[in-house]
Amino acid sequence: PEPDAASASAPASTPAARSGRRRLR
């Protein structure tokens, strides 16, 4: 299954990245 279209374009929150890795959508 794919994520729905709404979640693909919704604004991302901005908490700090984990373990030095970048956060991804």
PDB file of all heavy atoms in Angstrom:
ATOM      1  N   PRO A   1       0.828  -1.205   0.000  1.00  0.00           N
ATOM      2  CA  PRO A   1       0.000   0.000   0.000  1.00  0.00           C
ATOM      3  C   PRO A   1       0.856   1.246   0.000  1.00  0.00           C
ATOM      4  O   PRO A   1       1.942   1.277   0.575  1.00  0.00           O
ATOM      5  CB  PRO A   1      -0.795  -0.117   1.311  1.00  0.00           C
ATOM      6  CG  PRO A   1       0.053  -0.999   2.180  1.00  0.00           C
ATOM      7  CD  PRO A   1       0.714  -1.977   1.258  1.00  0.00           C
ATOM      8  N   GLU A   2       0.377   2.283  -0.694  1.00  0.00           N
ATOM      9  CA  GLU A   2       1.061   3.563  -0.741  1.00  0.00           C
ATOM     10  C   GLU A   2       0.432   4.526   0.263  1.00  0.00           C
ATOM     11  O   GLU A   2      -0.727   4.388   0.636  1.00  0.00           O
ATOM     12  CB  GLU A   2       0.915   4.190  -2.153  1.00  0.00           C
ATOM     13  CG  GLU A   2       1.456   3.307  -3.262  1.00  0.00           C
ATOM     14  CD  GLU A   2       2.961   3.236  -3.242  1.00  0.00           C
ATOM     15  OE1 GLU A   2       3.580   3.964  -2.448  1.00  0.00           O
ATOM     16  OE2 GLU A   2       3.524   2.438  -4.004  1.00  0.00           O
ATOM     17  N   PRO A   3       1.165   5.538   0.702  1.00  0.00           N
ATOM     18  CA  PRO A   3       0.554   6.558   1.558  1.00  0.00           C
ATOM     19  C   PRO A   3      -0.461   7.340   0.759  1.00  0.00           C
ATOM     20  O   PRO A   3      -0.348   7.465  -0.457  1.00  0.00           O
ATOM     21  CB  PRO A   3       1.757   7.439   1.942  1.00  0.00           C
ATOM     22  CG  PRO A   3       2.758   7.219   0.865  1.00  0.00           C
ATOM     23  CD  PRO A   3       2.572   5.792   0.413  1.00  0.00           C
ATOM     24  N   ASP A   4      -1.498   7.843   1.441  1.00  0.00           N
ATOM     25  CA  ASP A   4      -2.498   8.595   0.703  1.00  0.00           C
ATOM     26  C   ASP A   4      -1.935   9.920   0.235  1.00  0.00           C
ATOM     27  O   ASP A   4      -0.924  10.402   0.703  1.00  0.00           O
ATOM     28  CB  ASP A   4      -3.768   8.804   1.533  1.00  0.00           C
ATOM     29  CG  ASP A   4      -3.502   9.558   2.821  1.00  0.00           C
ATOM     30  OD1 ASP A   4      -2.696  10.499   2.792  1.00  0.00           O
ATOM     31  OD2 ASP A   4      -4.121   9.204   3.838  1.00  0.00           O
ATOM     32  N   ALA A   5      -2.616  10.490  -0.771  1.00  0.00           N
ATOM     33  CA  ALA A   5      -2.090  11.694  -1.397  1.00  0.00           C
ATOM     34  C   ALA A   5      -2.010  12.854  -0.431  1.00  0.00           C
ATOM     35  O   ALA A   5      -1.124  13.692  -0.518  1.00  0.00           O
ATOM     36  CB  ALA A   5      -2.984  12.064  -2.596  1.00  0.00           C
ATOM     37  N   ALA A   6      -2.947  12.912   0.513  1.00  0.00           N
ATOM     38  CA  ALA A   6      -2.924  14.029   1.454  1.00  0.00           C
ATOM     39  C   ALA A   6      -1.673  14.010   2.303  1.00  0.00           C
ATOM     40  O   ALA A   6      -1.030  15.039   2.523  1.00  0.00           O
ATOM     41  CB  ALA A   6      -4.164  13.970   2.343  1.00  0.00           C
ATOM     42  N   SER A   7      -1.293  12.817   2.778  1.00  0.00           N
ATOM     43  CA  SER A   7      -0.111  12.761   3.630  1.00  0.00           C
ATOM     44  C   SER A   7       1.139  13.043   2.846  1.00  0.00           C
ATOM     45  O   SER A   7       2.136  13.492   3.388  1.00  0.00           O
ATOM     46  CB  SER A   7      -0.004  11.382   4.288  1.00  0.00           C
ATOM     47  OG  SER A   7       0.252  10.377   3.320  1.00  0.00           O
ATOM     48  N   ALA A   8       1.117  12.787   1.528  1.00  0.00           N
ATOM     49  CA  ALA A   8       2.316  13.027   0.726  1.00  0.00           C
ATOM     50  C   ALA A   8       2.612  14.499   0.577  1.00  0.00           C
ATOM     51  O   ALA A   8       3.731  14.878   0.293  1.00  0.00           O
ATOM     52  CB  ALA A   8       2.144  12.396  -0.664  1.00  0.00           C
ATOM     53  N   SER A   9       1.605  15.357   0.745  1.00  0.00           N
ATOM     54  CA  SER A   9       1.852  16.780   0.549  1.00  0.00           C
ATOM     55  C   SER A   9       1.635  17.611   1.799  1.00  0.00           C
ATOM     56  O   SER A   9       1.776  18.820   1.785  1.00  0.00           O
ATOM     57  CB  SER A   9       0.919  17.303  -0.555  1.00  0.00           C
ATOM     58  OG  SER A   9      -0.430  17.116  -0.178  1.00  0.00           O
ATOM     59  N   ALA A  10       1.273  16.969   2.906  1.00  0.00           N
ATOM     60  CA  ALA A  10       1.010  17.727   4.124  1.00  0.00           C
ATOM     61  C   ALA A  10       2.289  18.325   4.676  1.00  0.00           C
ATOM     62  O   ALA A  10       3.360  17.764   4.531  1.00  0.00           O
ATOM     63  CB  ALA A  10       0.381  16.805   5.171  1.00  0.00           C
ATOM     64  N   PRO A  11       2.210  19.498   5.319  1.00  0.00           N
ATOM     65  CA  PRO A  11       3.409  20.095   5.892  1.00  0.00           C
ATOM     66  C   PRO A  11       4.027  19.189   6.935  1.00  0.00           C
ATOM     67  O   PRO A  11       3.319  18.528   7.694  1.00  0.00           O
ATOM     68  CB  PRO A  11       2.892  21.393   6.532  1.00  0.00           C
ATOM     69  CG  PRO A  11       1.586  21.656   5.867  1.00  0.00           C
ATOM     70  CD  PRO A  11       1.013  20.311   5.519  1.00  0.00           C
ATOM     71  N   ALA A  12       5.355  19.127   6.955  1.00  0.00           N
ATOM     72  CA  ALA A  12       6.051  18.276   7.926  1.00  0.00           C
ATOM     73  C   ALA A  12       6.274  19.041   9.219  1.00  0.00           C
ATOM     74  O   ALA A  12       6.443  20.242   9.237  1.00  0.00           O
ATOM     75  CB  ALA A  12       7.391  17.813   7.352  1.00  0.00           C
ATOM     76  N   SER A  13       6.270  18.284  10.329  1.00  0.00           N
ATOM     77  CA  SER A  13       6.650  18.905  11.590  1.00  0.00           C
ATOM     78  C   SER A  13       8.157  19.028  11.632  1.00  0.00           C
ATOM     79  O   SER A  13       8.860  18.480  10.817  1.00  0.00           O
ATOM     80  CB  SER A  13       6.141  18.039  12.740  1.00  0.00           C
ATOM     81  OG  SER A  13       6.666  16.729  12.629  1.00  0.00           O
ATOM     82  N   THR A  14       8.659  19.730  12.636  1.00  0.00           N
ATOM     83  CA  THR A  14      10.113  19.989  12.596  1.00  0.00           C
ATOM     84  C   THR A  14      10.813  19.646  13.892  1.00  0.00           C
ATOM     85  O   THR A  14      11.606  20.439  14.401  1.00  0.00           O
ATOM     86  CB  THR A  14      10.382  21.461  12.259  1.00  0.00           C
ATOM     87  OG1 THR A  14       9.733  22.251  13.259  1.00  0.00           O
ATOM     88  CG2 THR A  14       9.843  21.844  10.913  1.00  0.00           C
ATOM     89  N   PRO A  15      10.601  18.469  14.453  1.00  0.00           N
ATOM     90  CA  PRO A  15      11.428  18.113  15.591  1.00  0.00           C
ATOM     91  C   PRO A  15      12.833  17.786  15.132  1.00  0.00           C
ATOM     92  O   PRO A  15      13.079  17.571  13.951  1.00  0.00           O
ATOM     93  CB  PRO A  15      10.734  16.865  16.157  1.00  0.00           C
ATOM     94  CG  PRO A  15      10.003  16.281  15.006  1.00  0.00           C
ATOM     95  CD  PRO A  15       9.578  17.440  14.176  1.00  0.00           C
ATOM     96  N   ALA A  16      13.764  17.730  16.069  1.00  0.00           N
ATOM     97  CA  ALA A  16      15.163  17.499  15.720  1.00  0.00           C
ATOM     98  C   ALA A  16      15.336  16.130  15.096  1.00  0.00           C
ATOM     99  O   ALA A  16      14.621  15.190  15.403  1.00  0.00           O
ATOM    100  CB  ALA A  16      16.035  17.613  16.970  1.00  0.00           C
ATOM    101  N   ALA A  17      16.335  16.008  14.215  1.00  0.00           N
ATOM    102  CA  ALA A  17      16.622  14.736  13.563  1.00  0.00           C
ATOM    103  C   ALA A  17      17.152  13.751  14.598  1.00  0.00           C
ATOM    104  O   ALA A  17      17.764  14.125  15.578  1.00  0.00           O
ATOM    105  CB  ALA A  17      17.644  14.933  12.451  1.00  0.00           C
ATOM    106  N   ARG A  18      16.940  12.462  14.317  1.00  0.00           N
ATOM    107  CA  ARG A  18      17.346  11.420  15.246  1.00  0.00           C
ATOM    108  C   ARG A  18      18.715  10.899  14.892  1.00  0.00           C
ATOM    109  O   ARG A  18      18.997  10.638  13.744  1.00  0.00           O
ATOM    110  CB  ARG A  18      16.344  10.254  15.173  1.00  0.00           C
ATOM    111  CG  ARG A  18      14.939  10.633  15.542  1.00  0.00           C
ATOM    112  CD  ARG A  18      13.966   9.645  14.920  1.00  0.00           C
ATOM    113  NE  ARG A  18      13.950   9.798  13.473  1.00  0.00           N
ATOM    114  CZ  ARG A  18      13.771   8.779  12.649  1.00  0.00           C
ATOM    115  NH1 ARG A  18      13.627   7.576  13.101  1.00  0.00           N
ATOM    116  NH2 ARG A  18      13.750   8.976  11.354  1.00  0.00           N
ATOM    117  N   SER A  19      19.568  10.716  15.915  1.00  0.00           N
ATOM    118  CA  SER A  19      20.878  10.089  15.777  1.00  0.00           C
ATOM    119  C   SER A  19      21.681  10.690  14.641  1.00  0.00           C
ATOM    120  O   SER A  19      22.372  10.010  13.921  1.00  0.00           O
ATOM    121  CB  SER A  19      20.708   8.581  15.525  1.00  0.00           C
ATOM    122  OG  SER A  19      19.995   7.988  16.579  1.00  0.00           O
ATOM    123  N   GLY A  20      21.528  12.001  14.410  1.00  0.00           N
ATOM    124  CA  GLY A  20      22.299  12.663  13.380  1.00  0.00           C
ATOM    125  C   GLY A  20      21.774  12.415  11.977  1.00  0.00           C
ATOM    126  O   GLY A  20      22.344  12.869  11.012  1.00  0.00           O
ATOM    127  N   ARG A  21      20.662  11.659  11.838  1.00  0.00           N
ATOM    128  CA  ARG A  21      20.150  11.363  10.507  1.00  0.00           C
ATOM    129  C   ARG A  21      19.056  12.335  10.148  1.00  0.00           C
ATOM    130  O   ARG A  21      18.366  12.867  10.985  1.00  0.00           O
ATOM    131  CB  ARG A  21      19.585   9.935  10.465  1.00  0.00           C
ATOM    132  CG  ARG A  21      20.633   8.889  10.741  1.00  0.00           C
ATOM    133  CD  ARG A  21      20.030   7.508  10.656  1.00  0.00           C
ATOM    134  NE  ARG A  21      19.502   7.271   9.330  1.00  0.00           N
ATOM    135  CZ  ARG A  21      18.216   7.181   9.054  1.00  0.00           C
ATOM    136  NH1 ARG A  21      17.323   7.341   9.991  1.00  0.00           N
ATOM    137  NH2 ARG A  21      17.806   6.951   7.834  1.00  0.00           N
ATOM    138  N   ARG A  22      18.881  12.557   8.844  1.00  0.00           N
ATOM    139  CA  ARG A  22      17.867  13.497   8.406  1.00  0.00           C
ATOM    140  C   ARG A  22      16.498  12.855   8.433  1.00  0.00           C
ATOM    141  O   ARG A  22      16.339  11.669   8.195  1.00  0.00           O
ATOM    142  CB  ARG A  22      18.190  13.949   6.977  1.00  0.00           C
ATOM    143  CG  ARG A  22      19.422  14.843   6.958  1.00  0.00           C
ATOM    144  CD  ARG A  22      19.828  15.124   5.538  1.00  0.00           C
ATOM    145  NE  ARG A  22      20.920  16.096   5.513  1.00  0.00           N
ATOM    146  CZ  ARG A  22      21.622  16.370   4.431  1.00  0.00           C
ATOM    147  NH1 ARG A  22      21.371  15.767   3.311  1.00  0.00           N
ATOM    148  NH2 ARG A  22      22.571  17.254   4.469  1.00  0.00           N
ATOM    149  N   ARG A  23      15.495  13.685   8.724  1.00  0.00           N
ATOM    150  CA  ARG A  23      14.133  13.189   8.747  1.00  0.00           C
ATOM    151  C   ARG A  23      13.587  13.172   7.334  1.00  0.00           C
ATOM    152  O   ARG A  23      13.881  14.027   6.530  1.00  0.00           O
ATOM    153  CB  ARG A  23      13.259  14.086   9.631  1.00  0.00           C
ATOM    154  CG  ARG A  23      13.703  14.052  11.067  1.00  0.00           C
ATOM    155  CD  ARG A  23      12.838  14.914  11.930  1.00  0.00           C
ATOM    156  NE  ARG A  23      12.941  16.316  11.592  1.00  0.00           N
ATOM    157  CZ  ARG A  23      12.066  16.964  10.859  1.00  0.00           C
ATOM    158  NH1 ARG A  23      11.028  16.334  10.364  1.00  0.00           N
ATOM    159  NH2 ARG A  23      12.210  18.238  10.599  1.00  0.00           N
ATOM    160  N   LEU A  24      12.760  12.181   7.033  1.00  0.00           N
ATOM    161  CA  LEU A  24      12.356  11.959   5.663  1.00  0.00           C
ATOM    162  C   LEU A  24      10.855  11.814   5.529  1.00  0.00           C
ATOM    163  O   LEU A  24      10.192  11.334   6.416  1.00  0.00           O
ATOM    164  CB  LEU A  24      13.012  10.685   5.124  1.00  0.00           C
ATOM    165  CG  LEU A  24      14.521  10.609   5.297  1.00  0.00           C
ATOM    166  CD1 LEU A  24      15.009   9.223   4.920  1.00  0.00           C
ATOM    167  CD2 LEU A  24      15.216  11.634   4.470  1.00  0.00           C
ATOM    168  N   ARG A  25      10.346  12.198   4.398  1.00  0.00           N
ATOM    169  CA  ARG A  25       8.958  11.912   4.068  1.00  0.00           C
ATOM    170  C   ARG A  25       8.943  11.125   2.770  1.00  0.00           C
ATOM    171  O   ARG A  25       9.587  11.488   1.811  1.00  0.00           O
ATOM    172  CB  ARG A  25       8.163  13.195   3.860  1.00  0.00           C
ATOM    173  CG  ARG A  25       6.769  12.931   3.302  1.00  0.00           C
ATOM    174  CD  ARG A  25       6.123  14.217   2.913  1.00  0.00           C
ATOM    175  NE  ARG A  25       6.210  15.118   4.030  1.00  0.00           N
ATOM    176  CZ  ARG A  25       5.171  15.595   4.665  1.00  0.00           C
ATOM    177  NH1 ARG A  25       3.980  15.297   4.270  1.00  0.00           N
ATOM    178  NH2 ARG A  25       5.314  16.388   5.681  1.00  0.00           N
TER     179      ARG A  25
END
